Amino acid sequence: MATISIIGWREDDIRWSGWTSHARIELSKRLRGSLNVSPSARKDIESQIGARALLQISGLDLQHTESLRQILEALGAEVTVDLGGAPGDC
């Protein structure tokens, strides 16, 4: 299991575009596929991301971690990723 930590947000004003709208839709899909939590907990995480909060998303499926990181960065998040162990332990 992996953990993604949002440690900051870019200060520049991110303009809404087709890509950021697409990223928000994909964020929901990726969270649904990678987290084994209730729908209300997932919506809470999405709301926190929308509010540009600093948070830690743990218990992520390793398979979706990279795509989720890319989407968060497209939305302006500065993230760190912890894969939860030494290489080969998975």
N, C-alpha and C. Protein backbone atom coordinates (compact mmCIF):
# COMPACT_ATOMS: atom_id res chain seq x y z
N MET A 1 0.82 -1.18 0.00
CA MET A 1 0.00 0.00 0.00
C MET A 1 0.87 1.25 0.00
N ALA A 2 0.43 2.24 -0.73
CA ALA A 2 1.19 3.47 -0.88
C ALA A 2 0.48 4.63 -0.19
N THR A 3 1.24 5.69 0.03
CA THR A 3 0.71 6.91 0.62
C THR A 3 1.16 8.09 -0.23
N ILE A 4 0.23 8.96 -0.56
CA ILE A 4 0.55 10.21 -1.24
C ILE A 4 0.26 11.34 -0.27
N SER A 5 1.26 12.19 -0.07
CA SER A 5 1.11 13.35 0.80
C SER A 5 1.11 14.60 -0.04
N ILE A 6 0.10 15.43 0.13
CA ILE A 6 0.07 16.74 -0.52
C ILE A 6 0.73 17.70 0.46
N ILE A 7 1.92 18.18 0.07
CA ILE A 7 2.71 19.01 0.97
C ILE A 7 2.61 20.49 0.66
N GLY A 8 1.92 20.82 -0.41
CA GLY A 8 1.74 22.22 -0.78
C GLY A 8 0.98 22.33 -2.08
N TRP A 9 0.67 23.56 -2.41
CA TRP A 9 -0.03 23.86 -3.66
C TRP A 9 0.71 24.97 -4.36
N ARG A 10 0.78 24.92 -5.67
CA ARG A 10 1.42 25.98 -6.42
C ARG A 10 0.72 27.30 -6.13
N GLU A 11 1.50 28.35 -6.02
CA GLU A 11 0.96 29.67 -5.70
C GLU A 11 0.35 30.37 -6.90
N ASP A 12 0.82 30.00 -8.09
CA ASP A 12 0.29 30.68 -9.28
C ASP A 12 -1.19 30.35 -9.45
N ASP A 13 -1.88 31.26 -10.05
CA ASP A 13 -3.32 31.09 -10.27
C ASP A 13 -3.53 30.08 -11.40
N ILE A 14 -4.10 28.95 -11.06
CA ILE A 14 -4.36 27.92 -12.06
C ILE A 14 -5.66 28.25 -12.76
N ARG A 15 -5.58 28.50 -14.03
CA ARG A 15 -6.79 28.82 -14.79
C ARG A 15 -7.53 27.54 -15.11
N TRP A 16 -8.84 27.62 -15.05
CA TRP A 16 -9.65 26.47 -15.41
C TRP A 16 -9.60 26.26 -16.90
N SER A 17 -9.38 25.05 -17.28
CA SER A 17 -9.30 24.72 -18.70
C SER A 17 -9.94 23.35 -18.89
N GLY A 18 -9.94 22.91 -20.11
CA GLY A 18 -10.46 21.58 -20.38
C GLY A 18 -9.66 20.52 -19.66
N TRP A 19 -8.35 20.73 -19.55
CA TRP A 19 -7.52 19.73 -18.89
C TRP A 19 -7.81 19.65 -17.39
N THR A 20 -7.97 20.78 -16.70
CA THR A 20 -8.23 20.72 -15.27
C THR A 20 -9.60 20.12 -15.00
N SER A 21 -10.57 20.38 -15.87
CA SER A 21 -11.88 19.75 -15.71
C SER A 21 -11.75 18.25 -15.88
N HIS A 22 -10.98 17.85 -16.88
CA HIS A 22 -10.75 16.42 -17.12
C HIS A 22 -10.02 15.79 -15.92
N ALA A 23 -9.04 16.51 -15.38
CA ALA A 23 -8.27 16.00 -14.24
C ALA A 23 -9.17 15.78 -13.03
N ARG A 24 -10.12 16.67 -12.80
CA ARG A 24 -11.04 16.51 -11.67
C ARG A 24 -11.92 15.27 -11.83
N ILE A 25 -12.37 15.03 -13.05
CA ILE A 25 -13.18 13.83 -13.31
C ILE A 25 -12.32 12.58 -13.12
N GLU A 26 -11.11 12.62 -13.65
CA GLU A 26 -10.21 11.47 -13.51
C GLU A 26 -9.80 11.26 -12.06
N LEU A 27 -9.68 12.33 -11.29
CA LEU A 27 -9.36 12.20 -9.86
C LEU A 27 -10.39 11.33 -9.17
N SER A 28 -11.65 11.59 -9.43
CA SER A 28 -12.72 10.81 -8.83
C SER A 28 -12.62 9.34 -9.23
N LYS A 29 -12.37 9.09 -10.50
CA LYS A 29 -12.25 7.70 -10.98
C LYS A 29 -11.07 7.00 -10.34
N ARG A 30 -9.94 7.68 -10.28
CA ARG A 30 -8.73 7.06 -9.72
C ARG A 30 -8.87 6.78 -8.23
N LEU A 31 -9.48 7.72 -7.50
CA LEU A 31 -9.70 7.47 -6.07
C LEU A 31 -10.64 6.29 -5.87
N ARG A 32 -11.66 6.21 -6.69
CA ARG A 32 -12.61 5.10 -6.59
C ARG A 32 -11.91 3.77 -6.84
N GLY A 33 -10.97 3.75 -7.79
CA GLY A 33 -10.28 2.51 -8.12
C GLY A 33 -9.15 2.14 -7.18
N SER A 34 -8.56 3.12 -6.52
CA SER A 34 -7.37 2.84 -5.73
C SER A 34 -7.58 2.83 -4.22
N LEU A 35 -8.70 3.35 -3.76
CA LEU A 35 -8.96 3.39 -2.31
C LEU A 35 -10.12 2.46 -1.96
N ASN A 36 -9.95 1.72 -0.91
CA ASN A 36 -11.02 0.85 -0.44
C ASN A 36 -11.68 1.51 0.77
N VAL A 37 -12.40 2.61 0.50
CA VAL A 37 -13.09 3.35 1.55
C VAL A 37 -14.54 3.58 1.11
N SER A 38 -15.34 4.06 2.03
CA SER A 38 -16.73 4.33 1.71
C SER A 38 -16.84 5.49 0.72
N PRO A 39 -17.93 5.55 -0.03
CA PRO A 39 -18.12 6.67 -0.96
C PRO A 39 -18.09 8.03 -0.26
N SER A 40 -18.62 8.10 0.95
CA SER A 40 -18.62 9.39 1.65
C SER A 40 -17.19 9.80 2.05
N ALA A 41 -16.36 8.83 2.42
CA ALA A 41 -14.96 9.14 2.76
C ALA A 41 -14.21 9.60 1.51
N ARG A 42 -14.48 8.97 0.38
CA ARG A 42 -13.85 9.36 -0.88
C ARG A 42 -14.27 10.78 -1.28
N LYS A 43 -15.55 11.08 -1.13
CA LYS A 43 -16.05 12.43 -1.44
C LYS A 43 -15.40 13.46 -0.52
N ASP A 44 -15.18 13.09 0.73
CA ASP A 44 -14.52 14.00 1.67
C ASP A 44 -13.10 14.31 1.21
N ILE A 45 -12.38 13.28 0.75
CA ILE A 45 -11.03 13.48 0.24
C ILE A 45 -11.06 14.39 -0.99
N GLU A 46 -12.01 14.15 -1.89
CA GLU A 46 -12.16 14.99 -3.08
C GLU A 46 -12.45 16.44 -2.69
N SER A 47 -13.27 16.64 -1.68
CA SER A 47 -13.59 18.00 -1.22
C SER A 47 -12.36 18.69 -0.65
N GLN A 48 -11.57 17.95 0.11
CA GLN A 48 -10.35 18.52 0.68
C GLN A 48 -9.36 18.91 -0.41
N ILE A 49 -9.27 18.08 -1.45
CA ILE A 49 -8.39 18.39 -2.57
C ILE A 49 -8.92 19.63 -3.30
N GLY A 50 -10.24 19.71 -3.50
CA GLY A 50 -10.84 20.87 -4.14
C GLY A 50 -10.61 22.15 -3.36
N ALA A 51 -10.52 22.03 -2.03
CA ALA A 51 -10.26 23.19 -1.17
C ALA A 51 -8.75 23.47 -1.04
N ARG A 52 -7.95 22.67 -1.74
CA ARG A 52 -6.50 22.82 -1.74
C ARG A 52 -5.90 22.67 -0.34
N ALA A 53 -6.40 21.68 0.39
CA ALA A 53 -5.91 21.40 1.73
C ALA A 53 -4.64 20.54 1.65
N LEU A 54 -3.85 20.59 2.70
CA LEU A 54 -2.71 19.70 2.83
C LEU A 54 -3.22 18.43 3.49
N LEU A 55 -2.98 17.30 2.86
CA LEU A 55 -3.49 16.05 3.42
C LEU A 55 -2.64 14.88 2.99
N GLN A 56 -2.92 13.76 3.60
CA GLN A 56 -2.22 12.52 3.32
C GLN A 56 -3.27 11.48 2.93
N ILE A 57 -3.07 10.85 1.78
CA ILE A 57 -3.98 9.82 1.31
C ILE A 57 -3.23 8.50 1.43
N SER A 58 -3.63 7.67 2.37
CA SER A 58 -2.92 6.41 2.59
C SER A 58 -3.81 5.23 2.22
N GLY A 59 -3.18 4.08 2.11
CA GLY A 59 -3.90 2.86 1.75
C GLY A 59 -4.20 2.76 0.27
N LEU A 60 -3.38 3.41 -0.55
CA LEU A 60 -3.60 3.41 -1.99
C LEU A 60 -3.08 2.13 -2.62
N ASP A 61 -3.80 1.64 -3.60
CA ASP A 61 -3.35 0.51 -4.39
C ASP A 61 -2.14 0.96 -5.20
N LEU A 62 -1.06 0.19 -5.16
CA LEU A 62 0.18 0.57 -5.84
C LEU A 62 -0.02 0.76 -7.34
N GLN A 63 -0.93 0.02 -7.89
CA GLN A 63 -1.18 0.06 -9.33
C GLN A 63 -1.61 1.43 -9.83
N HIS A 64 -2.34 2.19 -9.01
CA HIS A 64 -2.89 3.47 -9.43
C HIS A 64 -2.14 4.68 -8.86
N THR A 65 -1.10 4.45 -8.10
CA THR A 65 -0.42 5.54 -7.40
C THR A 65 0.17 6.57 -8.36
N GLU A 66 0.85 6.12 -9.40
CA GLU A 66 1.51 7.05 -10.32
C GLU A 66 0.49 7.90 -11.07
N SER A 67 -0.59 7.31 -11.54
CA SER A 67 -1.58 8.10 -12.27
C SER A 67 -2.28 9.09 -11.35
N LEU A 68 -2.51 8.71 -10.10
CA LEU A 68 -3.11 9.63 -9.14
C LEU A 68 -2.16 10.79 -8.84
N ARG A 69 -0.87 10.49 -8.72
CA ARG A 69 0.13 11.54 -8.50
C ARG A 69 0.12 12.54 -9.66
N GLN A 70 0.07 12.04 -10.88
CA GLN A 70 0.08 12.91 -12.05
C GLN A 70 -1.15 13.82 -12.07
N ILE A 71 -2.28 13.28 -11.73
CA ILE A 71 -3.51 14.08 -11.72
C ILE A 71 -3.44 15.16 -10.65
N LEU A 72 -2.97 14.79 -9.46
CA LEU A 72 -2.84 15.79 -8.40
C LEU A 72 -1.88 16.90 -8.80
N GLU A 73 -0.78 16.55 -9.44
CA GLU A 73 0.17 17.57 -9.89
C GLU A 73 -0.43 18.44 -10.97
N ALA A 74 -1.27 17.87 -11.84
CA ALA A 74 -1.93 18.67 -12.87
C ALA A 74 -2.89 19.68 -12.25
N LEU A 75 -3.43 19.35 -11.08
CA LEU A 75 -4.32 20.27 -10.37
C LEU A 75 -3.56 21.30 -9.54
N GLY A 76 -2.23 21.17 -9.49
CA GLY A 76 -1.42 22.16 -8.79
C GLY A 76 -0.83 21.70 -7.47
N ALA A 77 -0.99 20.43 -7.13
CA ALA A 77 -0.48 19.93 -5.85
C ALA A 77 1.01 19.61 -5.95
N GLU A 78 1.70 19.86 -4.86
CA GLU A 78 3.08 19.40 -4.70
C GLU A 78 2.99 18.16 -3.81
N VAL A 79 3.43 17.02 -4.33
CA VAL A 79 3.21 15.76 -3.62
C VAL A 79 4.49 14.99 -3.38
N THR A 80 4.45 14.14 -2.36
CA THR A 80 5.48 13.13 -2.14
C THR A 80 4.76 11.79 -2.10
N VAL A 81 5.48 10.75 -2.51
CA VAL A 81 4.90 9.42 -2.56
C VAL A 81 5.75 8.49 -1.72
N ASP A 82 5.11 7.70 -0.86
CA ASP A 82 5.77 6.65 -0.08
C ASP A 82 5.14 5.34 -0.49
N LEU A 83 5.96 4.45 -1.04
CA LEU A 83 5.45 3.16 -1.51
C LEU A 83 5.31 2.13 -0.41
N GLY A 84 5.65 2.48 0.79
CA GLY A 84 5.36 1.63 1.93
C GLY A 84 6.32 0.50 2.19
N GLY A 85 7.55 0.61 1.77
CA GLY A 85 8.52 -0.42 2.09
C GLY A 85 9.68 -0.41 1.12
N ALA A 86 10.61 -1.29 1.37
CA ALA A 86 11.77 -1.39 0.50
C ALA A 86 11.39 -2.05 -0.81
N PRO A 87 12.11 -1.77 -1.87
CA PRO A 87 11.82 -2.42 -3.15
C PRO A 87 11.89 -3.93 -3.01
N GLY A 88 10.93 -4.59 -3.58
CA GLY A 88 10.88 -6.05 -3.52
C GLY A 88 10.03 -6.57 -2.38
N ASP A 89 9.56 -5.71 -1.49
CA ASP A 89 8.73 -6.14 -0.38
C ASP A 89 7.27 -6.30 -0.77
N CYS A 90 6.90 -5.83 -1.94
CA CYS A 90 5.49 -5.82 -2.35
C CYS A 90 5.02 -7.20 -2.69
